[in-house]
Protein backbone atom coordinates (compact mmCIF):
# COMPACT_ATOMS: atom_id res chain seq x y z
CA MET A 1 -25.77 28.93 -1.10
CA ILE A 2 -28.16 26.39 -2.60
CA ASN A 3 -25.61 25.42 -5.23
CA MET A 4 -22.95 24.89 -2.57
CA LEU A 5 -25.27 22.70 -0.50
CA SER A 6 -26.22 20.75 -3.59
CA ALA A 7 -22.57 20.17 -4.50
CA THR A 8 -21.78 19.12 -0.94
CA GLY A 9 -24.69 16.71 -0.98
CA LYS A 10 -23.49 15.14 -4.21
CA VAL A 11 -19.99 14.68 -2.78
CA VAL A 12 -21.35 13.04 0.37
CA GLU A 13 -23.67 10.85 -1.68
CA GLY A 14 -20.82 9.75 -3.94
CA LEU A 15 -18.63 9.00 -0.93
CA CYS A 16 -21.34 6.88 0.68
CA ILE A 17 -21.90 4.98 -2.56
CA ARG A 18 -18.20 4.21 -2.92
CA LEU A 19 -17.90 3.10 0.71
CA GLY A 20 -20.91 0.86 0.21
CA LEU A 21 -19.38 -0.70 -2.89
CA TYR A 22 -16.08 -1.35 -1.10
CA ALA A 23 -17.86 -2.89 1.89
CA HIS A 24 -19.97 -5.04 -0.43
CA THR A 25 -16.88 -6.30 -2.27
CA PHE A 26 -15.14 -7.14 1.00
CA ALA A 27 -18.22 -8.91 2.37
CA ARG A 28 -18.65 -10.97 -0.81
CA ALA A 29 -14.99 -11.97 -0.74
CA VAL A 30 -15.08 -12.98 2.94
CA SER A 31 -18.31 -14.95 2.51
CA ARG A 32 -16.77 -17.00 -0.32
CA MET A 33 -13.33 -17.42 1.25
CA ASN A 34 -13.91 -20.93 2.61
CA SER A 35 -15.76 -22.38 -0.36
CA ARG A 36 -14.13 -24.35 -3.15
CA PRO A 37 -12.57 -24.54 -5.70
CA TRP A 38 -9.24 -23.02 -4.63
CA HIS A 39 -7.63 -21.03 -7.44
CA LEU A 40 -4.05 -21.45 -6.22
CA ARG A 41 -2.47 -20.83 -9.61
CA MET A 42 -4.20 -17.46 -9.89
CA LEU A 43 -3.11 -16.65 -6.33
CA LEU A 44 0.54 -17.42 -7.11
CA GLN A 45 0.39 -15.37 -10.30
CA GLN A 46 -0.99 -12.38 -8.42
CA ALA A 47 1.56 -12.82 -5.63
CA GLU A 48 4.37 -12.71 -8.19
CA GLN A 49 2.91 -9.61 -9.80
CA VAL A 50 2.42 -7.81 -6.49
CA GLY A 51 5.63 -8.93 -4.79
CA VAL A 52 8.41 -9.86 -7.17
CA GLN A 53 7.58 -7.42 -9.94
CA SER A 54 7.19 -4.54 -7.47
CA LEU A 55 10.62 -5.06 -5.91
CA PRO A 56 12.60 -2.70 -8.20
CA VAL A 57 10.43 0.35 -7.53
CA VAL A 58 10.21 -0.50 -3.81
CA LEU A 59 13.98 -0.92 -3.49
CA LEU A 60 14.74 2.37 -5.22
CA THR A 61 12.11 4.24 -3.23
CA ALA A 62 13.32 2.86 0.11
CA LEU A 63 17.01 3.39 -0.65
CA PHE A 64 16.76 7.04 -1.63
CA THR A 65 14.22 7.77 1.10
CA GLY A 66 16.68 6.52 3.72
CA MET A 67 19.50 8.50 2.13
CA VAL A 68 17.55 11.76 1.98
CA LEU A 69 16.21 11.29 5.50
CA ALA A 70 19.71 10.72 6.87
CA LEU A 71 21.06 13.79 5.10
CA GLN A 72 18.27 16.08 6.28
CA SER A 73 18.36 14.71 9.83
CA TYR A 74 22.11 15.21 10.04
CA ILE A 75 21.82 18.81 8.86
CA VAL A 76 19.27 19.60 11.59
CA PHE A 77 21.00 17.67 14.40
CA HIS A 78 24.36 19.20 13.51
CA ARG A 79 23.08 22.57 14.76
CA PHE A 80 22.63 21.07 18.23
CA SER A 81 25.67 18.77 18.17
CA ALA A 82 23.36 15.74 18.25
CA GLU A 83 24.51 14.03 15.06
CA SER A 84 24.51 10.65 16.81
CA LEU A 85 20.70 10.66 16.77
CA THR A 86 20.61 10.45 12.98
CA GLY A 87 20.51 6.65 12.94
CA LEU A 88 17.68 6.52 15.46
CA VAL A 89 15.55 9.02 13.54
CA VAL A 90 16.12 7.27 10.21
CA SER A 91 15.33 3.84 11.61
CA MET A 92 12.22 4.87 13.54
CA SER A 93 10.87 6.96 10.68
CA VAL A 94 11.38 4.24 8.10
CA VAL A 95 10.06 1.36 10.20
CA ARG A 96 7.07 3.13 11.72
CA GLU A 97 5.90 5.43 8.94
CA LEU A 98 7.83 5.94 5.74
CA GLY A 99 8.32 2.26 4.94
CA PRO A 100 4.65 1.21 5.06
CA VAL A 101 3.30 4.47 3.64
CA LEU A 102 5.71 4.87 0.71
CA VAL A 103 5.52 1.19 -0.21
CA GLY A 104 1.75 1.46 -0.01
CA LEU A 105 1.73 4.46 -2.34
CA MET A 106 4.04 2.73 -4.82
CA VAL A 107 1.96 -0.45 -4.79
CA ALA A 108 -1.25 1.58 -5.08
CA GLY A 109 0.08 3.30 -8.19
CA ARG A 110 1.25 0.08 -9.74
CA ILE A 111 -0.99 -2.73 -8.49
CA GLY A 112 -4.15 -0.76 -7.76
CA ALA A 113 -4.11 0.55 -11.31
CA SER A 114 -3.38 -2.93 -12.65
CA PHE A 115 -6.29 -4.52 -10.77
CA ALA A 116 -8.72 -1.84 -11.91
CA ALA A 117 -7.54 -1.95 -15.53
CA GLU A 118 -7.58 -5.75 -15.78
CA LEU A 119 -10.99 -6.24 -14.19
CA GLY A 120 -12.41 -3.18 -15.93
CA THR A 121 -11.34 -4.51 -19.32
CA MET A 122 -12.88 -7.88 -18.48
CA ARG A 123 -16.10 -6.17 -17.41
CA VAL A 124 -16.58 -4.01 -20.51
CA SER A 125 -15.66 -6.92 -22.81
CA GLU A 126 -18.21 -9.13 -20.97
CA GLN A 127 -15.58 -11.67 -19.91
CA ILE A 128 -16.85 -11.52 -16.32
CA ASP A 129 -20.37 -12.33 -17.52
CA ALA A 130 -18.92 -15.24 -19.47
CA LEU A 131 -17.44 -16.67 -16.27
CA TRP A 132 -20.93 -16.98 -14.81
CA THR A 133 -22.05 -18.98 -17.85
CA LEU A 134 -19.12 -21.34 -17.24
CA SER A 135 -20.27 -21.87 -13.62
CA THR A 136 -17.22 -19.97 -12.34
CA ASP A 137 -17.69 -17.44 -9.56
CA PRO A 138 -15.85 -14.25 -10.64
CA VAL A 139 -15.43 -13.18 -7.02
CA ARG A 140 -13.62 -16.39 -6.11
CA TYR A 141 -11.63 -16.53 -9.34
CA LEU A 142 -10.71 -12.86 -9.80
CA ILE A 143 -11.11 -10.91 -6.56
CA ILE A 144 -10.16 -13.25 -3.71
CA PRO A 145 -6.72 -14.23 -5.13
CA ARG A 146 -5.89 -10.56 -5.65
CA LEU A 147 -6.97 -9.57 -2.15
CA ILE A 148 -5.00 -12.38 -0.52
CA ALA A 149 -1.93 -11.75 -2.66
CA VAL A 150 -1.68 -8.01 -2.02
CA THR A 151 -2.47 -8.39 1.71
CA LEU A 152 0.24 -11.02 2.20
CA MET A 153 2.90 -9.51 -0.05
CA MET A 154 2.71 -5.96 1.31
CA PRO A 155 4.31 -6.84 4.69
CA LEU A 156 7.08 -8.73 2.88
CA LEU A 157 7.76 -5.73 0.67
CA VAL A 158 7.82 -3.46 3.72
CA ILE A 159 10.34 -5.73 5.48
CA VAL A 160 12.65 -5.41 2.48
CA ALA A 161 12.02 -1.65 2.29
CA ASP A 162 12.82 -1.22 5.99
CA PHE A 163 16.22 -2.87 5.72
CA VAL A 164 17.08 -1.09 2.48
CA GLY A 165 15.97 2.29 3.85
CA ILE A 166 18.00 1.85 7.04
CA TYR A 167 21.01 0.79 4.98
CA GLY A 168 20.60 3.86 2.76
CA GLY A 169 20.70 6.07 5.84
CA TYR A 170 23.70 4.14 7.16
CA ALA A 171 25.59 4.52 3.88
CA ILE A 172 25.09 8.28 3.78
CA SER A 173 25.82 8.78 7.48
CA VAL A 174 28.99 6.69 7.54
CA HIS A 175 30.52 7.16 4.09
CA LEU A 176 29.45 10.71 3.29
CA LEU A 177 28.96 12.39 6.67
CA ASP A 178 31.82 10.55 8.44
CA GLN A 179 29.75 9.33 11.35
CA ASN A 180 30.93 6.46 13.54
CA PRO A 181 29.29 3.26 12.22
CA ALA A 182 29.24 1.71 15.70
CA VAL A 183 27.30 4.68 17.08
CA TYR A 184 24.82 4.55 14.20
CA ILE A 185 24.17 0.83 14.71
CA GLU A 186 24.01 1.14 18.50
CA ASN A 187 21.41 3.91 18.42
CA THR A 188 19.42 1.97 15.84
CA THR A 189 19.31 -1.25 17.85
CA GLN A 190 19.20 0.16 21.37
CA TYR A 191 16.08 2.30 21.15
CA MET A 192 14.03 0.40 18.58
CA GLU A 193 11.61 -2.25 19.84
CA LEU A 194 9.88 -5.14 18.13
CA SER A 195 6.58 -3.33 18.59
CA ASP A 196 7.84 -0.62 16.22
CA PHE A 197 8.59 -3.25 13.61
CA TYR A 198 5.29 -5.07 14.10
CA SER A 199 3.29 -1.85 13.85
CA GLY A 200 4.74 -1.23 10.41
CA LEU A 201 3.78 -4.73 9.29
CA VAL A 202 0.22 -4.30 10.56
CA LYS A 203 -0.04 -1.06 8.62
CA ALA A 204 1.36 -2.75 5.52
CA ALA A 205 -1.19 -5.56 5.62
CA PHE A 206 -4.04 -3.10 6.13
CA PHE A 207 -2.84 -0.87 3.30
CA GLY A 208 -2.57 -3.92 1.05
CA LEU A 209 -6.15 -4.90 1.84
CA LEU A 210 -7.30 -1.35 1.07
CA ILE A 211 -5.48 -1.35 -2.27
CA GLY A 212 -6.96 -4.71 -3.23
CA ILE A 213 -10.52 -3.82 -2.27
CA ILE A 214 -10.48 -0.44 -3.98
CA GLY A 215 -8.74 -1.62 -7.16
CA CYS A 216 -10.93 -4.70 -7.56
CA THR A 217 -14.15 -2.81 -6.79
CA GLU A 218 -13.45 -0.04 -9.28
CA GLY A 219 -12.59 -2.52 -12.01
CA PHE A 220 -15.40 -4.95 -11.23
CA ASN A 221 -18.02 -2.17 -11.38
CA CYS A 222 -16.53 -0.43 -14.43
CA LYS A 223 -18.90 0.91 -17.11
CA GLY A 224 -18.61 2.87 -20.33
CA GLY A 225 -16.10 1.04 -22.52
CA ALA A 226 -12.48 2.09 -22.84
CA GLU A 227 -13.13 5.52 -21.35
CA GLY A 228 -14.74 3.89 -18.33
CA VAL A 229 -11.68 1.69 -17.82
CA GLY A 230 -9.47 4.77 -17.76
CA ILE A 231 -11.74 6.52 -15.27
CA ALA A 232 -11.87 3.43 -13.04
CA THR A 233 -8.08 3.08 -13.12
CA THR A 234 -7.50 6.72 -12.20
CA ARG A 235 -10.13 6.59 -9.47
CA ALA A 236 -8.60 3.42 -8.01
CA VAL A 237 -5.15 5.00 -7.73
CA VAL A 238 -6.35 8.31 -6.30
CA ILE A 239 -8.72 6.78 -3.75
CA SER A 240 -6.15 4.16 -2.72
CA CYS A 241 -3.48 6.79 -2.09
CA MET A 242 -5.87 9.02 -0.15
CA SER A 243 -7.13 6.05 1.88
CA ILE A 244 -3.57 5.05 2.80
CA LEU A 245 -2.68 8.53 4.03
CA ILE A 246 -5.92 8.98 5.97
CA SER A 247 -5.89 5.52 7.55
CA ASP A 248 -2.21 5.90 8.45
CA TYR A 249 -3.08 8.72 10.83
CA PHE A 250 -5.77 6.72 12.61
CA LEU A 251 -3.60 3.61 12.81
CA THR A 252 -0.73 5.67 14.24
CA ALA A 253 -3.03 7.32 16.79
CA TRP A 254 -4.38 3.90 17.78
CA MET A 255 -0.96 2.22 18.07
CA PHE A 256 1.11 5.01 19.60
CA GLY A 257 -1.42 7.50 20.91
């Protein structure tokens, strides 16, 4: 009993420490957001890494997600002679949930790990300390561009993923399952509202901010040499993915509950 309470206490303590570190990183970034100099080149580099270089994995994920969702929805609706609802289910699922969540998980695995590894390597090799000696604020130079880039690029990636996912469902429904394309498009456009689309973009921006804060914090506070970098990278990916899934529930309950 005592051992279980001790283990629970350690877990809670570790969780509180991590939350404090993430809040501290966010507060430091916000407090320095309006001060100069502006590192626009670093911001553009990070935006390219987050957005352009993530497109292939996002496109493939969205395409096959839409295709699988259409196939499974058709199989279920066929039992009730309601195959025409396939387009509506695919569109709503992709725009509201699967688009933001799956893109967030893909970006967390790719960009969250990259942020943690890059900053962790700079920390253990004392490059971050060297920035202070050069009168360069590491938070402004390293963290803020990454946070802005991932927060802004996530909604753009989700927009692309939404259209590709809906098209994947359309392709399967029309060309493989012989559904009427006009019915698919009508159900997609008739029942979907702009609020559904906007809710997905809000989720995407929030998930991007989470990924940036967690990845940068884990890398910035890395210790223990090469092994520490590996631990920080793994922790950044795992915590980012868990945070996305947990926060998605609360965002959904807030928006649609």
